[in-house]
C-alpha atoms as a PDB file:
ATOM      1  CA  MET A   1      38.103 203.984 135.150  1.00  0.00           C
ATOM      2  CA  VAL A   2      39.188 207.377 136.496  1.00  0.00           C
ATOM      3  CA  TRP A   3      35.617 208.663 136.548  1.00  0.00           C
ATOM      4  CA  LYS A   4      34.483 205.566 138.433  1.00  0.00           C
ATOM      5  CA  TRP A   5      37.216 206.119 141.003  1.00  0.00           C
ATOM      6  CA  LEU A   6      36.303 209.804 141.382  1.00  0.00           C
ATOM      7  CA  GLY A   7      32.635 208.902 141.753  1.00  0.00           C
ATOM      8  CA  ALA A   8      33.417 206.468 144.556  1.00  0.00           C
ATOM      9  CA  LEU A   9      35.571 209.115 146.228  1.00  0.00           C
ATOM     10  CA  VAL A  10      32.632 211.533 146.246  1.00  0.00           C
ATOM     11  CA  VAL A  11      30.013 208.996 147.339  1.00  0.00           C
ATOM     12  CA  PHE A  12      32.043 207.557 150.217  1.00  0.00           C
ATOM     13  CA  PRO A  13      31.998 210.656 152.500  1.00  0.00           C
ATOM     14  CA  LEU A  14      28.304 211.110 151.758  1.00  0.00           C
ATOM     15  CA  GLN A  15      27.713 207.538 152.892  1.00  0.00           C
ATOM     16  CA  MET A  16      29.617 208.229 156.094  1.00  0.00           C
ATOM     17  CA  ILE A  17      27.528 211.332 156.803  1.00  0.00           C
ATOM     18  CA  TYR A  18      24.310 209.426 156.134  1.00  0.00           C
ATOM     19  CA  LEU A  19      25.265 206.570 158.452  1.00  0.00           C
ATOM     20  CA  VAL A  20      26.303 208.939 161.249  1.00  0.00           C
ATOM     21  CA  VAL A  21      23.039 210.887 160.960  1.00  0.00           C
ATOM     22  CA  LYS A  22      21.068 207.639 160.861  1.00  0.00           C
ATOM     23  CA  ALA A  23      22.772 206.429 164.036  1.00  0.00           C
ATOM     24  CA  ALA A  24      22.142 209.783 165.752  1.00  0.00           C
ATOM     25  CA  VAL A  25      18.464 209.666 164.851  1.00  0.00           C
ATOM     26  CA  GLY A  26      18.303 206.116 166.169  1.00  0.00           C
ATOM     27  CA  LEU A  27      19.510 207.348 169.562  1.00  0.00           C
ATOM     28  CA  VAL A  28      16.637 209.821 169.751  1.00  0.00           C
ATOM     29  CA  LEU A  29      13.732 207.975 168.161  1.00  0.00           C
ATOM     30  CA  PRO A  30      12.559 204.660 169.658  1.00  0.00           C
ATOM     31  CA  ALA A  31      13.595 201.764 167.443  1.00  0.00           C
ATOM     32  CA  LYS A  32      11.619 198.618 166.749  1.00  0.00           C
ATOM     33  CA  LEU A  33      12.797 195.772 168.968  1.00  0.00           C
ATOM     34  CA  ARG A  34      13.338 192.277 167.623  1.00  0.00           C
ATOM     35  CA  ASP A  35      10.623 189.773 168.523  1.00  0.00           C
ATOM     36  CA  LEU A  36      12.098 186.969 170.615  1.00  0.00           C
ATOM     37  CA  SER A  37       9.046 184.694 170.680  1.00  0.00           C
ATOM     38  CA  ARG A  38      10.552 182.284 168.123  1.00  0.00           C
ATOM     39  CA  GLU A  39      14.118 182.349 169.435  1.00  0.00           C
ATOM     40  CA  ASN A  40      15.930 179.564 171.265  1.00  0.00           C
ATOM     41  CA  VAL A  41      18.629 181.111 173.453  1.00  0.00           C
ATOM     42  CA  LEU A  42      21.731 179.365 174.789  1.00  0.00           C
ATOM     43  CA  ILE A  43      23.705 181.059 177.563  1.00  0.00           C
ATOM     44  CA  THR A  44      27.097 179.745 178.647  1.00  0.00           C
ATOM     45  CA  GLY A  45      27.918 180.347 182.300  1.00  0.00           C
ATOM     46  CA  GLY A  46      24.180 180.622 182.784  1.00  0.00           C
ATOM     47  CA  GLY A  47      23.894 179.353 186.331  1.00  0.00           C
ATOM     48  CA  ARG A  48      24.801 182.502 188.229  1.00  0.00           C
ATOM     49  CA  GLY A  49      25.936 186.116 188.008  1.00  0.00           C
ATOM     50  CA  ILE A  50      25.278 187.904 184.744  1.00  0.00           C
ATOM     51  CA  GLY A  51      24.343 184.594 183.106  1.00  0.00           C
ATOM     52  CA  ARG A  52      21.424 184.080 185.482  1.00  0.00           C
ATOM     53  CA  GLN A  53      20.255 187.651 184.947  1.00  0.00           C
ATOM     54  CA  LEU A  54      20.455 187.156 181.177  1.00  0.00           C
ATOM     55  CA  ALA A  55      18.236 184.085 181.461  1.00  0.00           C
ATOM     56  CA  ARG A  56      15.687 186.093 183.441  1.00  0.00           C
ATOM     57  CA  GLU A  57      15.791 188.968 180.971  1.00  0.00           C
ATOM     58  CA  PHE A  58      15.356 186.776 177.899  1.00  0.00           C
ATOM     59  CA  ALA A  59      12.476 184.972 179.620  1.00  0.00           C
ATOM     60  CA  GLU A  60      10.768 188.242 180.538  1.00  0.00           C
ATOM     61  CA  ARG A  61      11.084 189.445 176.943  1.00  0.00           C
ATOM     62  CA  GLY A  62       9.397 186.358 175.569  1.00  0.00           C
ATOM     63  CA  ALA A  63      12.155 184.020 174.382  1.00  0.00           C
ATOM     64  CA  ARG A  64      10.721 180.657 173.276  1.00  0.00           C
ATOM     65  CA  LYS A  65      13.279 178.368 174.934  1.00  0.00           C
ATOM     66  CA  ILE A  66      16.324 178.980 177.084  1.00  0.00           C
ATOM     67  CA  VAL A  67      19.280 176.615 177.440  1.00  0.00           C
ATOM     68  CA  LEU A  68      21.877 177.057 180.173  1.00  0.00           C
ATOM     69  CA  TRP A  69      25.426 175.723 180.092  1.00  0.00           C
ATOM     70  CA  GLY A  70      27.812 175.633 183.016  1.00  0.00           C
ATOM     71  CA  ARG A  71      29.978 173.481 185.247  1.00  0.00           C
ATOM     72  CA  THR A  72      28.099 173.767 188.562  1.00  0.00           C
ATOM     73  CA  GLU A  73      24.907 171.716 188.457  1.00  0.00           C
ATOM     74  CA  LYS A  74      23.437 173.204 191.629  1.00  0.00           C
ATOM     75  CA  CYS A  75      23.455 176.741 190.216  1.00  0.00           C
ATOM     76  CA  LEU A  76      22.201 175.594 186.820  1.00  0.00           C
ATOM     77  CA  LYS A  77      19.343 173.657 188.380  1.00  0.00           C
ATOM     78  CA  GLU A  78      18.278 176.591 190.561  1.00  0.00           C
ATOM     79  CA  THR A  79      18.267 179.008 187.635  1.00  0.00           C
ATOM     80  CA  THR A  80      16.421 176.524 185.413  1.00  0.00           C
ATOM     81  CA  GLU A  81      13.669 176.100 187.995  1.00  0.00           C
ATOM     82  CA  GLU A  82      13.369 179.853 188.353  1.00  0.00           C
ATOM     83  CA  ILE A  83      12.991 180.358 184.594  1.00  0.00           C
ATOM     84  CA  ARG A  84      10.424 177.571 184.350  1.00  0.00           C
ATOM     85  CA  GLN A  85       8.390 179.231 187.095  1.00  0.00           C
ATOM     86  CA  MET A  86       8.336 182.328 184.900  1.00  0.00           C
ATOM     87  CA  GLY A  87       6.554 180.258 182.247  1.00  0.00           C
ATOM     88  CA  THR A  88       9.470 179.751 179.845  1.00  0.00           C
ATOM     89  CA  GLU A  89      10.775 176.360 178.759  1.00  0.00           C
ATOM     90  CA  CYS A  90      14.300 175.978 180.111  1.00  0.00           C
ATOM     91  CA  HIS A  91      16.940 173.238 180.035  1.00  0.00           C
ATOM     92  CA  TYR A  92      20.459 172.944 181.427  1.00  0.00           C
ATOM     93  CA  PHE A  93      23.528 170.955 180.412  1.00  0.00           C
ATOM     94  CA  ILE A  94      26.804 170.413 182.225  1.00  0.00           C
ATOM     95  CA  CYS A  95      29.531 171.610 179.874  1.00  0.00           C
ATOM     96  CA  ASP A  96      33.028 173.058 180.139  1.00  0.00           C
ATOM     97  CA  VAL A  97      33.341 175.411 177.164  1.00  0.00           C
ATOM     98  CA  GLY A  98      37.122 175.172 177.413  1.00  0.00           C
ATOM     99  CA  ASN A  99      36.897 171.531 176.362  1.00  0.00           C
ATOM    100  CA  ARG A 100      36.419 171.403 172.578  1.00  0.00           C
ATOM    101  CA  GLU A 101      35.109 167.843 172.323  1.00  0.00           C
ATOM    102  CA  GLU A 102      32.753 168.381 175.239  1.00  0.00           C
ATOM    103  CA  VAL A 103      31.338 171.481 173.544  1.00  0.00           C
ATOM    104  CA  TYR A 104      30.689 169.634 170.283  1.00  0.00           C
ATOM    105  CA  GLN A 105      29.092 166.650 172.035  1.00  0.00           C
ATOM    106  CA  THR A 106      26.876 168.835 174.228  1.00  0.00           C
ATOM    107  CA  ALA A 107      25.855 170.971 171.254  1.00  0.00           C
ATOM    108  CA  LYS A 108      24.677 167.819 169.487  1.00  0.00           C
ATOM    109  CA  ALA A 109      22.675 166.830 172.559  1.00  0.00           C
ATOM    110  CA  VAL A 110      21.086 170.294 172.667  1.00  0.00           C
ATOM    111  CA  ARG A 111      19.961 170.093 169.031  1.00  0.00           C
ATOM    112  CA  GLU A 112      18.444 166.671 169.626  1.00  0.00           C
ATOM    113  CA  LYS A 113      16.610 167.609 172.825  1.00  0.00           C
ATOM    114  CA  VAL A 114      15.757 171.299 172.382  1.00  0.00           C
ATOM    115  CA  GLY A 115      16.161 172.148 168.698  1.00  0.00           C
ATOM    116  CA  ASP A 116      18.161 174.744 166.789  1.00  0.00           C
ATOM    117  CA  ILE A 117      19.814 177.520 168.779  1.00  0.00           C
ATOM    118  CA  THR A 118      19.239 180.937 167.186  1.00  0.00           C
ATOM    119  CA  ILE A 119      20.822 183.168 169.847  1.00  0.00           C
ATOM    120  CA  LEU A 120      24.144 182.123 171.368  1.00  0.00           C
ATOM    121  CA  VAL A 121      25.387 184.135 174.355  1.00  0.00           C
ATOM    122  CA  ASN A 122      29.044 183.476 175.187  1.00  0.00           C
ATOM    123  CA  ASN A 123      29.086 184.571 178.800  1.00  0.00           C
ATOM    124  CA  ALA A 124      31.233 181.930 180.565  1.00  0.00           C
ATOM    125  CA  ALA A 125      34.515 183.274 181.934  1.00  0.00           C
ATOM    126  CA  VAL A 126      37.082 182.712 184.652  1.00  0.00           C
ATOM    127  CA  VAL A 127      39.629 185.016 186.265  1.00  0.00           C
ATOM    128  CA  HIS A 128      42.818 184.002 188.066  1.00  0.00           C
ATOM    129  CA  GLY A 129      43.480 187.460 189.466  1.00  0.00           C
ATOM    130  CA  LYS A 130      47.266 187.431 189.850  1.00  0.00           C
ATOM    131  CA  SER A 131      50.312 188.979 188.249  1.00  0.00           C
ATOM    132  CA  LEU A 132      52.229 187.047 185.603  1.00  0.00           C
ATOM    133  CA  MET A 133      55.022 185.886 187.929  1.00  0.00           C
ATOM    134  CA  ASP A 134      52.569 184.837 190.639  1.00  0.00           C
ATOM    135  CA  SER A 135      50.311 182.939 188.236  1.00  0.00           C
ATOM    136  CA  ASP A 136      50.174 179.193 187.960  1.00  0.00           C
ATOM    137  CA  ASP A 137      50.726 177.971 184.383  1.00  0.00           C
ATOM    138  CA  ASP A 138      47.658 175.730 184.412  1.00  0.00           C
ATOM    139  CA  ALA A 139      45.496 178.598 185.662  1.00  0.00           C
ATOM    140  CA  LEU A 140      46.764 180.820 182.843  1.00  0.00           C
ATOM    141  CA  LEU A 141      45.920 178.156 180.286  1.00  0.00           C
ATOM    142  CA  LYS A 142      42.480 177.673 181.793  1.00  0.00           C
ATOM    143  CA  SER A 143      41.687 181.381 181.359  1.00  0.00           C
ATOM    144  CA  GLN A 144      42.603 181.259 177.681  1.00  0.00           C
ATOM    145  CA  HIS A 145      40.704 178.016 177.075  1.00  0.00           C
ATOM    146  CA  VAL A 146      37.490 179.221 178.708  1.00  0.00           C
ATOM    147  CA  ASN A 147      37.473 182.950 177.932  1.00  0.00           C
ATOM    148  CA  THR A 148      38.804 182.831 174.372  1.00  0.00           C
ATOM    149  CA  LEU A 149      38.950 179.391 172.789  1.00  0.00           C
ATOM    150  CA  GLY A 150      35.607 178.456 174.309  1.00  0.00           C
ATOM    151  CA  GLN A 151      33.986 181.051 172.075  1.00  0.00           C
ATOM    152  CA  PHE A 152      35.635 179.504 169.022  1.00  0.00           C
ATOM    153  CA  TRP A 153      34.173 176.082 169.868  1.00  0.00           C
ATOM    154  CA  THR A 154      30.653 177.239 170.747  1.00  0.00           C
ATOM    155  CA  THR A 155      30.424 179.484 167.700  1.00  0.00           C
ATOM    156  CA  LYS A 156      31.675 176.732 165.388  1.00  0.00           C
ATOM    157  CA  ALA A 157      29.119 174.380 166.931  1.00  0.00           C
ATOM    158  CA  PHE A 158      26.051 176.589 166.356  1.00  0.00           C
ATOM    159  CA  LEU A 159      26.868 179.129 163.626  1.00  0.00           C
ATOM    160  CA  PRO A 160      26.609 176.727 160.629  1.00  0.00           C
ATOM    161  CA  ARG A 161      22.946 176.006 161.348  1.00  0.00           C
ATOM    162  CA  MET A 162      22.237 179.708 161.878  1.00  0.00           C
ATOM    163  CA  LEU A 163      23.661 180.404 158.431  1.00  0.00           C
ATOM    164  CA  GLU A 164      21.454 177.699 156.936  1.00  0.00           C
ATOM    165  CA  LEU A 165      18.348 179.107 158.617  1.00  0.00           C
ATOM    166  CA  GLN A 166      19.434 182.683 157.851  1.00  0.00           C
ATOM    167  CA  ASN A 167      18.489 183.462 161.422  1.00  0.00           C
ATOM    168  CA  GLY A 168      20.969 183.792 164.259  1.00  0.00           C
ATOM    169  CA  HIS A 169      22.810 186.040 166.659  1.00  0.00           C
ATOM    170  CA  ILE A 170      26.177 185.559 168.379  1.00  0.00           C
ATOM    171  CA  VAL A 171      26.650 187.540 171.596  1.00  0.00           C
ATOM    172  CA  CYS A 172      29.894 187.979 173.517  1.00  0.00           C
ATOM    173  CA  LEU A 173      29.831 189.206 177.113  1.00  0.00           C
ATOM    174  CA  ASN A 174      33.295 190.698 177.142  1.00  0.00           C
ATOM    175  CA  SER A 175      34.806 193.379 179.395  1.00  0.00           C
ATOM    176  CA  VAL A 176      36.116 196.907 179.113  1.00  0.00           C
ATOM    177  CA  LEU A 177      39.417 195.362 180.214  1.00  0.00           C
ATOM    178  CA  ALA A 178      39.717 194.098 176.643  1.00  0.00           C
ATOM    179  CA  LEU A 179      40.445 197.723 175.700  1.00  0.00           C
ATOM    180  CA  SER A 180      42.237 198.892 178.834  1.00  0.00           C
ATOM    181  CA  ALA A 181      44.131 196.295 180.855  1.00  0.00           C
ATOM    182  CA  ILE A 182      44.895 196.534 184.566  1.00  0.00           C
ATOM    183  CA  PRO A 183      47.618 194.999 186.760  1.00  0.00           C
ATOM    184  CA  GLY A 184      46.802 191.840 188.660  1.00  0.00           C
ATOM    185  CA  ALA A 185      44.502 190.311 186.037  1.00  0.00           C
ATOM    186  CA  ILE A 186      46.887 189.594 183.203  1.00  0.00           C
ATOM    187  CA  ASP A 187      45.201 186.295 182.318  1.00  0.00           C
ATOM    188  CA  TYR A 188      41.730 187.842 182.175  1.00  0.00           C
ATOM    189  CA  CYS A 189      42.769 190.984 180.259  1.00  0.00           C
ATOM    190  CA  THR A 190      44.709 188.984 177.669  1.00  0.00           C
ATOM    191  CA  SER A 191      41.892 186.514 177.078  1.00  0.00           C
ATOM    192  CA  LYS A 192      39.279 189.268 176.818  1.00  0.00           C
ATOM    193  CA  ALA A 193      41.391 191.225 174.330  1.00  0.00           C
ATOM    194  CA  SER A 194      41.667 188.074 172.220  1.00  0.00           C
ATOM    195  CA  ALA A 195      37.920 187.499 172.473  1.00  0.00           C
ATOM    196  CA  PHE A 196      37.293 191.093 171.392  1.00  0.00           C
ATOM    197  CA  ALA A 197      39.439 190.594 168.280  1.00  0.00           C
ATOM    198  CA  PHE A 198      37.600 187.333 167.605  1.00  0.00           C
ATOM    199  CA  MET A 199      34.227 189.066 167.731  1.00  0.00           C
ATOM    200  CA  GLU A 200      35.397 192.037 165.686  1.00  0.00           C
ATOM    201  CA  SER A 201      36.583 189.719 162.921  1.00  0.00           C
ATOM    202  CA  LEU A 202      33.457 187.555 163.163  1.00  0.00           C
ATOM    203  CA  THR A 203      31.139 190.571 162.982  1.00  0.00           C
ATOM    204  CA  LEU A 204      32.810 191.789 159.783  1.00  0.00           C
ATOM    205  CA  GLY A 205      32.753 188.272 158.366  1.00  0.00           C
ATOM    206  CA  LEU A 206      28.972 188.112 158.823  1.00  0.00           C
ATOM    207  CA  LEU A 207      28.274 191.248 156.763  1.00  0.00           C
ATOM    208  CA  ASP A 208      27.304 189.177 153.716  1.00  0.00           C
ATOM    209  CA  CYS A 209      25.355 186.608 155.737  1.00  0.00           C
ATOM    210  CA  PRO A 210      21.661 187.617 155.749  1.00  0.00           C
ATOM    211  CA  GLY A 211      19.804 187.174 159.017  1.00  0.00           C
ATOM    212  CA  VAL A 212      22.893 186.458 161.147  1.00  0.00           C
ATOM    213  CA  SER A 213      24.474 189.156 163.305  1.00  0.00           C
ATOM    214  CA  ALA A 214      26.791 189.612 166.277  1.00  0.00           C
ATOM    215  CA  THR A 215      26.932 191.776 169.394  1.00  0.00           C
ATOM    216  CA  THR A 216      29.917 192.477 171.643  1.00  0.00           C
ATOM    217  CA  VAL A 217      29.231 193.856 175.127  1.00  0.00           C
ATOM    218  CA  LEU A 218      32.033 195.590 177.043  1.00  0.00           C
ATOM    219  CA  PRO A 219      30.859 196.354 180.584  1.00  0.00           C
ATOM    220  CA  PHE A 220      32.787 198.070 183.339  1.00  0.00           C
ATOM    221  CA  HIS A 221      33.374 196.230 186.640  1.00  0.00           C
ATOM    222  CA  THR A 222      30.164 194.416 187.577  1.00  0.00           C
ATOM    223  CA  SER A 223      29.122 193.321 191.075  1.00  0.00           C
ATOM    224  CA  THR A 224      29.340 189.537 190.775  1.00  0.00           C
ATOM    225  CA  GLU A 225      31.020 186.772 192.763  1.00  0.00           C
ATOM    226  CA  MET A 226      33.670 186.331 190.083  1.00  0.00           C
ATOM    227  CA  PHE A 227      35.282 189.681 190.949  1.00  0.00           C
ATOM    228  CA  GLN A 228      34.575 189.563 194.662  1.00  0.00           C
ATOM    229  CA  GLY A 229      36.961 191.802 196.587  1.00  0.00           C
ATOM    230  CA  MET A 230      37.872 194.003 193.631  1.00  0.00           C
ATOM    231  CA  ARG A 231      37.724 197.685 194.598  1.00  0.00           C
ATOM    232  CA  VAL A 232      37.943 200.572 192.152  1.00  0.00           C
ATOM    233  CA  ARG A 233      38.770 203.604 194.230  1.00  0.00           C
ATOM    234  CA  THR A 234      40.797 206.761 194.060  1.00  0.00           C
ATOM    235  CA  LEU A 235      44.212 206.466 195.672  1.00  0.00           C
ATOM    236  CA  ARG A 236      45.055 208.548 198.697  1.00  0.00           C
ATOM    237  CA  PRO A 237      47.242 206.742 201.275  1.00  0.00           C
ATOM    238  CA  ALA A 238      46.455 207.318 204.912  1.00  0.00           C
ATOM    239  CA  LEU A 239      48.962 209.484 206.717  1.00  0.00           C
ATOM    240  CA  PRO A 240      51.279 207.591 209.114  1.00  0.00           C
ATOM    241  CA  ASP A 241      51.065 210.087 211.985  1.00  0.00           C
ATOM    242  CA  CYS A 242      47.307 210.218 212.322  1.00  0.00           C
ATOM    243  CA  ARG A 243      45.227 207.465 213.919  1.00  0.00           C
ATOM    244  CA  VAL A 244      42.054 208.520 212.140  1.00  0.00           C
ATOM    245  CA  VAL A 245      43.010 210.265 208.943  1.00  0.00           C
ATOM    246  CA  GLY A 246      39.722 211.009 207.302  1.00  0.00           C
ATOM    247  CA  ILE A 247      35.977 211.110 207.544  1.00  0.00           C
ATOM    248  CA  LEU A 248      33.655 210.510 204.646  1.00  0.00           C
ATOM    249  CA  ALA A 249      30.280 211.982 205.395  1.00  0.00           C
ATOM    250  CA  ALA A 250      27.566 210.128 203.509  1.00  0.00           C
ATOM    251  CA  ARG A 251      24.628 212.454 203.196  1.00  0.00           C
ATOM    252  CA  HIS A 252      21.135 211.195 203.853  1.00  0.00           C
ATOM    253  CA  ASP A 253      19.340 214.010 202.049  1.00  0.00           C
ATOM    254  CA  GLY A 254      19.413 212.347 198.631  1.00  0.00           C
ATOM    255  CA  LYS A 255      22.334 214.429 197.398  1.00  0.00           C
ATOM    256  CA  GLY A 256      24.914 211.662 197.317  1.00  0.00           C
ATOM    257  CA  SER A 257      28.074 211.669 199.392  1.00  0.00           C
ATOM    258  CA  GLN A 258      30.493 214.376 200.393  1.00  0.00           C
ATOM    259  CA  GLY A 259      34.225 213.742 200.588  1.00  0.00           C
ATOM    260  CA  LEU A 260      36.069 216.069 202.926  1.00  0.00           C
ATOM    261  CA  GLY A 261      39.084 216.155 200.641  1.00  0.00           C
ATOM    262  CA  ALA A 262      41.465 217.264 203.375  1.00  0.00           C
ATOM    263  CA  SER A 263      45.135 216.975 202.477  1.00  0.00           C
ATOM    264  CA  SER A 264      46.953 217.658 205.746  1.00  0.00           C
ATOM    265  CA  VAL A 265      47.031 216.096 209.197  1.00  0.00           C
ATOM    266  CA  ASP A 266      45.657 219.223 210.880  1.00  0.00           C
ATOM    267  CA  SER A 267      42.776 219.605 208.453  1.00  0.00           C
ATOM    268  CA  LEU A 268      41.925 215.896 208.751  1.00  0.00           C
ATOM    269  CA  LYS A 269      41.874 216.115 212.555  1.00  0.00           C
ATOM    270  CA  ALA A 270      39.689 219.207 212.412  1.00  0.00           C
ATOM    271  CA  ALA A 271      37.311 217.783 209.821  1.00  0.00           C
ATOM    272  CA  LYS A 272      33.685 217.487 210.915  1.00  0.00           C
ATOM    273  CA  PRO A 273      31.036 215.295 209.321  1.00  0.00           C
ATOM    274  CA  VAL A 274      27.825 216.584 207.823  1.00  0.00           C
ATOM    275  CA  PRO A 275      25.193 216.803 210.599  1.00  0.00           C
ATOM    276  CA  GLY A 276      23.126 213.627 210.801  1.00  0.00           C
ATOM    277  CA  ALA A 277      25.451 211.735 208.476  1.00  0.00           C
ATOM    278  CA  GLN A 278      27.107 208.361 208.857  1.00  0.00           C
ATOM    279  CA  GLU A 279      30.826 208.512 209.556  1.00  0.00           C
ATOM    280  CA  LEU A 280      33.273 206.187 207.801  1.00  0.00           C
ATOM    281  CA  ARG A 281      36.685 206.372 209.477  1.00  0.00           C
ATOM    282  CA  PHE A 282      39.988 205.265 207.992  1.00  0.00           C
ATOM    283  CA  ALA A 283      42.944 204.082 210.037  1.00  0.00           C
ATOM    284  CA  GLN A 284      46.652 204.234 209.303  1.00  0.00           C
ATOM    285  CA  GLY A 285      47.565 202.584 205.994  1.00  0.00           C
ATOM    286  CA  ASP A 286      44.042 202.652 204.592  1.00  0.00           C
ATOM    287  CA  ILE A 287      43.110 203.989 201.175  1.00  0.00           C
ATOM    288  CA  ILE A 288      40.652 206.850 201.272  1.00  0.00           C
ATOM    289  CA  PRO A 289      38.074 206.896 198.456  1.00  0.00           C
ATOM    290  CA  ARG A 290      37.961 210.593 197.629  1.00  0.00           C
ATOM    291  CA  PHE A 291      35.259 210.059 194.998  1.00  0.00           C
ATOM    292  CA  PRO A 292      33.287 206.969 196.097  1.00  0.00           C
ATOM    293  CA  ASN A 293      30.568 207.454 193.478  1.00  0.00           C
ATOM    294  CA  LEU A 294      32.859 208.235 190.536  1.00  0.00           C
ATOM    295  CA  PHE A 295      33.384 204.607 189.490  1.00  0.00           C
ATOM    296  CA  PRO A 296      30.561 202.546 191.011  1.00  0.00           C
ATOM    297  CA  PRO A 297      30.298 198.906 189.871  1.00  0.00           C
ATOM    298  CA  LEU A 298      27.511 197.980 187.477  1.00  0.00           C
ATOM    299  CA  LYS A 299      24.616 195.810 188.591  1.00  0.00           C
ATOM    300  CA  PRO A 300      24.248 192.436 186.826  1.00  0.00           C
ATOM    301  CA  GLU A 301      20.604 193.285 186.148  1.00  0.00           C
ATOM    302  CA  THR A 302      21.641 196.414 184.262  1.00  0.00           C
ATOM    303  CA  VAL A 303      24.210 194.576 182.156  1.00  0.00           C
ATOM    304  CA  ALA A 304      21.677 191.852 181.303  1.00  0.00           C
ATOM    305  CA  ARG A 305      18.926 194.301 180.388  1.00  0.00           C
ATOM    306  CA  ARG A 306      21.153 196.395 178.151  1.00  0.00           C
ATOM    307  CA  THR A 307      22.617 193.267 176.526  1.00  0.00           C
ATOM    308  CA  VAL A 308      19.227 191.853 175.546  1.00  0.00           C
ATOM    309  CA  GLU A 309      18.173 195.272 174.267  1.00  0.00           C
ATOM    310  CA  ALA A 310      21.331 195.374 172.129  1.00  0.00           C
ATOM    311  CA  VAL A 311      20.388 191.998 170.645  1.00  0.00           C
ATOM    312  CA  GLN A 312      16.872 193.213 169.889  1.00  0.00           C
ATOM    313  CA  LEU A 313      18.273 196.372 168.289  1.00  0.00           C
ATOM    314  CA  ASN A 314      20.933 194.412 166.376  1.00  0.00           C
ATOM    315  CA  GLN A 315      23.615 196.601 167.949  1.00  0.00           C
ATOM    316  CA  ALA A 316      27.133 195.462 167.106  1.00  0.00           C
ATOM    317  CA  LEU A 317      28.988 197.065 170.030  1.00  0.00           C
ATOM    318  CA  LEU A 318      27.819 198.066 173.487  1.00  0.00           C
ATOM    319  CA  LEU A 319      30.027 199.837 176.038  1.00  0.00           C
ATOM    320  CA  LEU A 320      28.721 200.111 179.599  1.00  0.00           C
ATOM    321  CA  PRO A 321      28.437 202.703 180.925  1.00  0.00           C
ATOM    322  CA  TRP A 322      28.449 205.097 177.966  1.00  0.00           C
ATOM    323  CA  THR A 323      31.297 207.091 179.544  1.00  0.00           C
ATOM    324  CA  MET A 324      33.617 204.211 178.615  1.00  0.00           C
ATOM    325  CA  HIS A 325      33.591 205.605 175.058  1.00  0.00           C
ATOM    326  CA  ALA A 326      35.916 208.314 176.369  1.00  0.00           C
ATOM    327  CA  LEU A 327      38.395 205.560 177.213  1.00  0.00           C
ATOM    328  CA  ILE A 328      38.893 204.731 173.545  1.00  0.00           C
ATOM    329  CA  ILE A 329      39.464 208.379 172.670  1.00  0.00           C
ATOM    330  CA  LEU A 330      41.888 208.972 175.532  1.00  0.00           C
ATOM    331  CA  LYS A 331      43.951 205.879 174.710  1.00  0.00           C
ATOM    332  CA  SER A 332      44.283 207.131 171.147  1.00  0.00           C
ATOM    333  CA  ILE A 333      45.555 210.613 171.919  1.00  0.00           C
ATOM    334  CA  LEU A 334      47.229 210.628 175.342  1.00  0.00           C
ATOM    335  CA  PRO A 335      50.858 209.653 176.016  1.00  0.00           C
ATOM    336  CA  GLN A 336      51.557 206.565 178.097  1.00  0.00           C
ATOM    337  CA  ALA A 337      52.587 208.623 181.131  1.00  0.00           C
ATOM    338  CA  ALA A 338      49.211 210.366 181.150  1.00  0.00           C
ATOM    339  CA  LEU A 339      47.368 207.066 180.849  1.00  0.00           C
ATOM    340  CA  GLU A 340      49.316 205.725 183.819  1.00  0.00           C
ATOM    341  CA  GLU A 341      48.229 208.709 185.907  1.00  0.00           C
ATOM    342  CA  ILE A 342      44.613 208.067 184.925  1.00  0.00           C
ATOM    343  CA  HIS A 343      44.950 204.494 186.193  1.00  0.00           C
ATOM    344  CA  LYS A 344      46.352 205.752 189.505  1.00  0.00           C
ATOM    345  CA  PHE A 345      43.741 208.492 189.851  1.00  0.00           C
ATOM    346  CA  SER A 346      40.811 206.189 189.057  1.00  0.00           C
ATOM    347  CA  GLY A 347      42.054 203.436 191.351  1.00  0.00           C
ATOM    348  CA  THR A 348      42.322 200.749 188.673  1.00  0.00           C
ATOM    349  CA  TYR A 349      46.082 200.546 189.310  1.00  0.00           C
ATOM    350  CA  THR A 350      45.512 198.796 192.651  1.00  0.00           C
ATOM    351  CA  CYS A 351      41.938 197.569 192.345  1.00  0.00           C
ATOM    352  CA  MET A 352      43.013 193.901 192.241  1.00  0.00           C
ATOM    353  CA  ASN A 353      45.024 194.138 195.463  1.00  0.00           C
ATOM    354  CA  THR A 354      41.951 193.118 197.478  1.00  0.00           C
ATOM    355  CA  PHE A 355      40.686 190.589 194.920  1.00  0.00           C
ATOM    356  CA  LYS A 356      39.304 187.356 196.375  1.00  0.00           C
ATOM    357  CA  GLY A 357      37.282 185.924 193.517  1.00  0.00           C
ATOM    358  CA  ARG A 358      34.525 183.373 193.695  1.00  0.00           C
ATOM    359  CA  THR A 359      34.599 181.288 196.885  1.00  0.00           C
END
């Protein structure tokens, strides 16, 4: 018994080294991508935003059939027509994933009309975009029902058949806010953190289920209608005694943008733009983005492309962009006061102040 325990103690670190080396090699050498030609893909929230881009990406990569779920028929119909024009069979169903019975009934209709779903993409989400005390109770409940519980219902509806076929993939379009919450989106952050825990548990639970896997995607702020008005920018309040307090000279020579970085009234007044550049002026009370390209929003096309690639590579976790990995490390080692300063410096502390949401 002792020798068996000692043997396991020796083998375990060797296994860890092997797996780390294997993962490192996989980053360098091109891996074989999963063939999607036999896969039926269902995307919740598939009518617009990232959902629409996911439908396009799966179609371009040869998915057999694509099914779209959502609540707005106009958007679903437009996306369905677009996918059909690309030569891929596509269907849409009106379904509120926050409604358990509706999910189960629509899932049955999908199986009867389209067939077995082998790739489920839980993309549907809502955001209220207010602080706790300013939030309506029904809106808070809606966020939890759609963003978290909806994934329970859709997964329960389609996973059993995947296990029978020994072929399936569950995908969760989550958010980096599941790991690092921000003010002004308490409903969204809470629901995404719950969804992350759901997927983490589900992924581990599928280890002994051959042919069935899971992928969790955690993107940074993405340019979609859902987060319209959100601005991630570095805080620097405009000075009260200066009508024009700063000039950001955006270079046109392909070298990005140049922030003047002046910190006094005199230096701001004396600041001159780069010759031939466009001037962006800021009036009293404005927030000056000292580093406008430090935290640019992701494009929906990029998120969709990387998500489908992660499915084809059977990648369990995807953080976008890759610099978000530093977030996990920093949250593990830095004191709370330091983390608060990072939020203020990066602009995430006030990024929801201008939030409008989908109109």
